[in-house]
Amino acid sequence: MKVIKLGGSIITHKESYKKINKDLLGKLCDVLSENKEEWILIHGAGSFGHIMALKYGLEKPGSIKGKGKAISKVVSDVLTLNSVIIEYLNERGINAISVPPHVIYNFGKPDFTAVKSLTDKGFVPVLFGDIIMNKGRYRIISGDEIALDLSRVFRPESVAFITDVDGLFDSDPKANKNARFIPLIKARDISVVDTGRDATGSMAGKMKRIKKMMSYTSRVVVLNGNRPERLRNYLRGKESTLTVIE
């Protein structure tokens, strides 16, 4: 089994509210339709989640009281994105079915019974960054956190993060043109300083979860979704430009 996470910065134009990157999403779904192995898909919320979550101050966990309207709006927006992705997948012959995290999560352990049931029947479960609630409180759950939880339960052979950069670098490649690309690294050697504000914890949080993930899978890859052929090569087991974390 593979767990694949489509980053929100790839499938949406993250600075434009509720704007899908339709052309690239279509190309990535074309590639995913070629996969014949068992897999689970997760996608980020992108501009359907982060913009409004930050606007309403939902990035910090808290009481639902007084935040119900904002929470409902963000959840509705993310479900809209999820519906579009499900439609793109179904159009390409992938029997994808949504599994909303706000239904299967509480502040304890997730119940992945529905996910297991779908994979057993040959469907592709699709989860996503969401807002989950329990005992009068809410918090955002990122796709990266869901990937970690899925890895803990399903022990996938590999986990892939489809991002908007080639992989890991020794500094931010968007800010430093001389940043050095890292094709292979041990999880214990990863060190990231968070420099940006993000509703789900940004790159530093992702790396912390990847380190934990290595207890449940032998291989995590980070690759650039702007080059769909790299996703194709990963799925086919061919060499490509990406970062392998061991």
Protein backbone atom coordinates (compact mmCIF):
# COMPACT_ATOMS: atom_id res chain seq x y z
CA MET A 1 0.00 0.00 0.00
CA LYS A 2 1.01 3.59 -0.68
CA VAL A 3 -0.19 6.74 1.05
CA ILE A 4 -0.10 9.80 -1.22
CA LYS A 5 -0.56 13.39 -0.04
CA LEU A 6 -1.35 16.10 -2.61
CA GLY A 7 -0.27 19.41 -1.16
CA GLY A 8 -2.70 22.29 -1.10
CA SER A 9 -0.13 24.53 -2.80
CA ILE A 10 -0.19 22.19 -5.81
CA ILE A 11 -3.91 21.61 -6.29
CA THR A 12 -4.97 25.19 -5.56
CA HIS A 13 -3.61 28.67 -6.12
CA LYS A 14 -2.91 29.13 -2.43
CA GLU A 15 -3.00 32.93 -2.39
CA SER A 16 -6.35 33.14 -4.20
CA TYR A 17 -9.45 32.19 -2.22
CA LYS A 18 -11.12 29.00 -3.51
CA LYS A 19 -9.17 28.87 -6.77
CA ILE A 20 -8.30 25.39 -8.03
CA ASN A 21 -5.26 24.73 -10.19
CA LYS A 22 -7.43 22.77 -12.61
CA ASP A 23 -4.84 22.07 -15.29
CA LEU A 24 -2.27 20.64 -12.90
CA LEU A 25 -4.85 18.77 -10.85
CA GLY A 26 -6.07 17.12 -14.04
CA LYS A 27 -2.55 16.07 -15.03
CA LEU A 28 -1.81 14.65 -11.58
CA CYS A 29 -5.09 12.72 -11.60
CA ASP A 30 -4.18 11.37 -15.04
CA VAL A 31 -0.97 9.98 -13.54
CA LEU A 32 -2.71 8.63 -10.45
CA SER A 33 -5.18 6.77 -12.67
CA GLU A 34 -2.27 4.64 -13.92
CA ASN A 35 -1.55 3.29 -10.44
CA LYS A 36 -2.66 -0.33 -9.99
CA GLU A 37 -1.54 -0.78 -6.38
CA GLU A 38 -3.64 -0.30 -3.27
CA TRP A 39 -3.43 3.29 -2.11
CA ILE A 40 -4.98 6.00 0.03
CA LEU A 41 -5.10 9.64 -1.02
CA ILE A 42 -4.94 12.73 1.18
CA HIS A 43 -5.12 16.29 -0.06
CA GLY A 44 -4.41 19.62 1.56
CA ALA A 45 -6.99 22.37 1.95
CA GLY A 46 -4.97 25.01 0.10
CA SER A 47 -6.83 28.24 -0.57
CA PHE A 48 -10.10 26.53 0.39
CA GLY A 49 -8.98 26.22 4.00
CA HIS A 50 -5.96 28.29 5.00
CA ILE A 51 -7.17 31.76 4.00
CA MET A 52 -10.40 31.69 5.98
CA ALA A 53 -8.89 29.69 8.86
CA LEU A 54 -6.30 32.41 9.35
CA LYS A 55 -8.82 35.20 8.83
CA TYR A 56 -11.04 33.86 11.61
CA GLY A 57 -8.19 32.86 13.90
CA LEU A 58 -8.93 29.15 13.70
CA GLU A 59 -5.30 28.06 13.42
CA LYS A 60 -5.15 27.78 17.21
CA PRO A 61 -7.33 25.13 18.94
CA GLY A 62 -10.11 26.52 21.06
CA SER A 63 -13.71 26.54 22.13
CA ILE A 64 -16.38 26.12 19.49
CA LYS A 65 -18.46 28.76 21.28
CA GLY A 66 -18.61 31.88 19.12
CA LYS A 67 -16.72 30.18 16.28
CA GLY A 68 -19.47 27.97 14.89
CA LYS A 69 -20.16 30.07 11.81
CA ALA A 70 -16.47 30.32 10.90
CA ILE A 71 -15.89 26.59 11.44
CA SER A 72 -18.91 25.69 9.31
CA LYS A 73 -17.68 27.98 6.53
CA VAL A 74 -14.18 26.48 6.42
CA VAL A 75 -15.47 22.90 6.56
CA SER A 76 -17.94 23.67 3.77
CA ASP A 77 -15.18 25.18 1.61
CA VAL A 78 -12.87 22.19 2.09
CA LEU A 79 -15.70 19.78 1.28
CA THR A 80 -16.23 21.73 -1.96
CA LEU A 81 -12.59 21.18 -2.91
CA ASN A 82 -12.81 17.53 -1.94
CA SER A 83 -15.89 17.05 -4.13
CA VAL A 84 -14.04 18.48 -7.14
CA ILE A 85 -11.07 16.18 -6.57
CA ILE A 86 -13.34 13.15 -6.21
CA GLU A 87 -15.01 14.11 -9.49
CA TYR A 88 -11.64 14.46 -11.27
CA LEU A 89 -10.59 11.03 -10.00
CA ASN A 90 -13.86 9.33 -10.89
CA GLU A 91 -13.76 10.78 -14.40
CA ARG A 92 -10.42 9.01 -14.86
CA GLY A 93 -11.65 5.63 -13.71
CA ILE A 94 -10.49 5.84 -10.10
CA ASN A 95 -13.20 4.62 -7.73
CA ALA A 96 -12.58 7.32 -5.15
CA ILE A 97 -14.79 7.91 -2.11
CA SER A 98 -14.54 10.77 0.36
CA VAL A 99 -13.82 10.04 4.03
CA PRO A 100 -14.24 13.37 5.87
CA PRO A 101 -11.90 13.54 8.87
CA HIS A 102 -14.42 15.53 10.93
CA VAL A 103 -16.59 12.39 10.86
CA ILE A 104 -13.96 9.81 11.87
CA TYR A 105 -11.76 11.86 14.22
CA ASN A 106 -12.13 13.14 17.72
CA PHE A 107 -9.36 14.39 20.00
CA GLY A 108 -8.34 10.82 20.67
CA LYS A 109 -7.49 8.13 18.14
CA PRO A 110 -9.09 8.18 14.69
CA ASP A 111 -11.43 5.38 13.68
CA PHE A 112 -10.16 4.15 10.33
CA THR A 113 -12.70 1.32 10.05
CA ALA A 114 -14.35 3.02 7.05
CA VAL A 115 -10.98 3.53 5.37
CA LYS A 116 -10.08 -0.14 5.78
CA SER A 117 -13.50 -1.24 4.54
CA LEU A 118 -13.15 0.87 1.39
CA THR A 119 -9.65 -0.36 0.54
CA ASP A 120 -10.78 -3.96 1.08
CA LYS A 121 -13.53 -3.40 -1.49
CA GLY A 122 -11.16 -1.89 -4.06
CA PHE A 123 -12.03 1.77 -3.52
CA VAL A 124 -9.59 4.64 -2.99
CA PRO A 125 -10.39 6.52 0.24
CA VAL A 126 -9.78 10.26 -0.02
CA LEU A 127 -9.14 12.22 3.18
CA PHE A 128 -8.17 15.87 3.56
CA GLY A 129 -7.07 18.64 5.88
CA ASP A 130 -10.10 19.50 7.98
CA ILE A 131 -11.45 20.86 11.28
CA ILE A 132 -12.28 18.26 13.89
CA MET A 133 -14.34 18.76 17.05
CA ASN A 134 -14.83 17.08 20.41
CA LYS A 135 -16.33 18.05 23.77
CA GLY A 136 -17.05 21.63 22.76
CA ARG A 137 -13.62 22.29 21.29
CA TYR A 138 -12.17 22.33 17.78
CA ARG A 139 -8.79 22.09 16.12
CA ILE A 140 -7.43 21.95 12.60
CA ILE A 141 -6.03 18.62 11.50
CA SER A 142 -3.58 18.76 8.61
CA GLY A 143 -3.19 16.26 5.82
CA ASP A 144 0.33 15.62 7.13
CA GLU A 145 -1.02 14.59 10.52
CA ILE A 146 -3.55 12.32 8.83
CA ALA A 147 -0.70 10.76 6.80
CA LEU A 148 1.10 9.97 10.05
CA ASP A 149 -2.00 8.40 11.59
CA LEU A 150 -2.67 6.33 8.47
CA SER A 151 0.95 5.16 8.49
CA ARG A 152 0.65 4.09 12.11
CA VAL A 153 -2.37 1.91 11.30
CA PHE A 154 -1.73 0.66 7.75
CA ARG A 155 2.10 0.43 7.71
CA PRO A 156 2.40 1.49 4.03
CA GLU A 157 5.42 0.51 1.95
CA SER A 158 5.95 4.21 1.24
CA VAL A 159 4.44 7.64 1.77
CA ALA A 160 4.69 10.37 -0.88
CA PHE A 161 4.29 14.11 -0.35
CA ILE A 162 3.51 15.94 -3.59
CA THR A 163 4.67 19.53 -3.08
CA ASP A 164 5.59 22.62 -5.10
CA VAL A 165 9.37 22.11 -4.78
CA ASP A 166 11.71 19.35 -5.98
CA GLY A 167 12.15 17.88 -2.50
CA LEU A 168 14.16 18.89 0.57
CA PHE A 169 16.88 21.54 0.46
CA ASP A 170 19.42 22.80 2.98
CA SER A 171 17.58 26.15 2.96
CA ASP A 172 14.37 27.57 1.50
CA PRO A 173 14.75 27.25 -2.32
CA LYS A 174 12.09 29.93 -2.83
CA ALA A 175 14.16 32.46 -0.90
CA ASN A 176 17.67 31.23 -1.70
CA LYS A 177 18.53 30.41 -5.31
CA ASN A 178 21.71 28.70 -4.09
CA ALA A 179 19.86 26.28 -1.81
CA ARG A 180 21.33 22.79 -2.10
CA PHE A 181 19.00 19.97 -3.11
CA ILE A 182 19.10 16.86 -0.88
CA PRO A 183 18.25 13.66 -2.81
CA LEU A 184 18.69 11.27 0.14
CA ILE A 185 18.63 11.85 3.87
CA LYS A 186 18.14 9.95 7.10
CA ALA A 187 15.13 11.15 9.07
CA ARG A 188 17.28 11.70 12.16
CA ASP A 189 19.42 14.20 10.22
CA ILE A 190 16.55 16.48 9.22
CA SER A 191 16.61 19.90 10.85
CA VAL A 192 14.15 22.60 9.81
CA VAL A 193 13.61 26.11 11.16
CA ASP A 194 10.07 27.32 10.59
CA THR A 195 9.95 30.81 9.05
CA GLY A 196 6.37 31.12 7.84
CA ARG A 197 2.84 31.30 9.23
CA ASP A 198 0.54 28.55 8.09
CA ALA A 199 -2.75 27.28 9.47
CA THR A 200 -1.36 23.76 9.78
CA GLY A 201 2.18 24.32 11.03
CA SER A 202 4.18 24.84 7.81
CA MET A 203 7.34 22.89 6.86
CA ALA A 204 8.69 22.41 10.38
CA GLY A 205 5.55 20.54 11.42
CA LYS A 206 5.73 18.39 8.29
CA MET A 207 9.30 17.34 9.05
CA LYS A 208 8.47 16.46 12.67
CA ARG A 209 5.67 14.20 11.47
CA ILE A 210 7.87 12.60 8.81
CA LYS A 211 10.41 11.72 11.49
CA LYS A 212 7.68 9.97 13.48
CA MET A 213 6.35 8.34 10.31
CA MET A 214 9.62 6.47 9.79
CA SER A 215 8.63 4.15 12.64
CA TYR A 216 5.80 2.82 10.47
CA THR A 217 7.16 2.93 6.91
CA SER A 218 10.60 2.40 5.45
CA ARG A 219 10.44 5.16 2.86
CA VAL A 220 9.05 8.67 2.55
CA VAL A 221 9.50 10.70 -0.62
CA VAL A 222 9.01 14.40 -1.31
CA LEU A 223 8.61 15.39 -4.96
CA ASN A 224 7.52 18.26 -7.17
CA GLY A 225 3.96 17.96 -8.42
CA ASN A 226 4.56 20.71 -10.95
CA ARG A 227 6.37 17.96 -12.88
CA PRO A 228 3.74 15.19 -13.04
CA GLU A 229 6.18 12.80 -14.70
CA ARG A 230 8.05 12.64 -11.40
CA LEU A 231 4.96 11.28 -9.70
CA ARG A 232 4.63 8.78 -12.57
CA ASN A 233 8.25 7.66 -12.10
CA TYR A 234 7.72 7.25 -8.36
CA LEU A 235 4.63 5.10 -8.90
CA ARG A 236 6.51 2.97 -11.45
CA GLY A 237 9.59 2.59 -9.25
CA LYS A 238 11.80 4.49 -11.70
CA GLU A 239 14.56 6.94 -10.86
CA SER A 240 13.52 10.56 -10.69
CA THR A 241 14.31 13.90 -9.12
CA LEU A 242 12.94 13.70 -5.58
CA THR A 243 14.05 13.41 -2.00
CA VAL A 244 14.03 10.00 -0.35
CA ILE A 245 13.87 9.98 3.44
CA GLU A 246 14.98 6.80 5.18
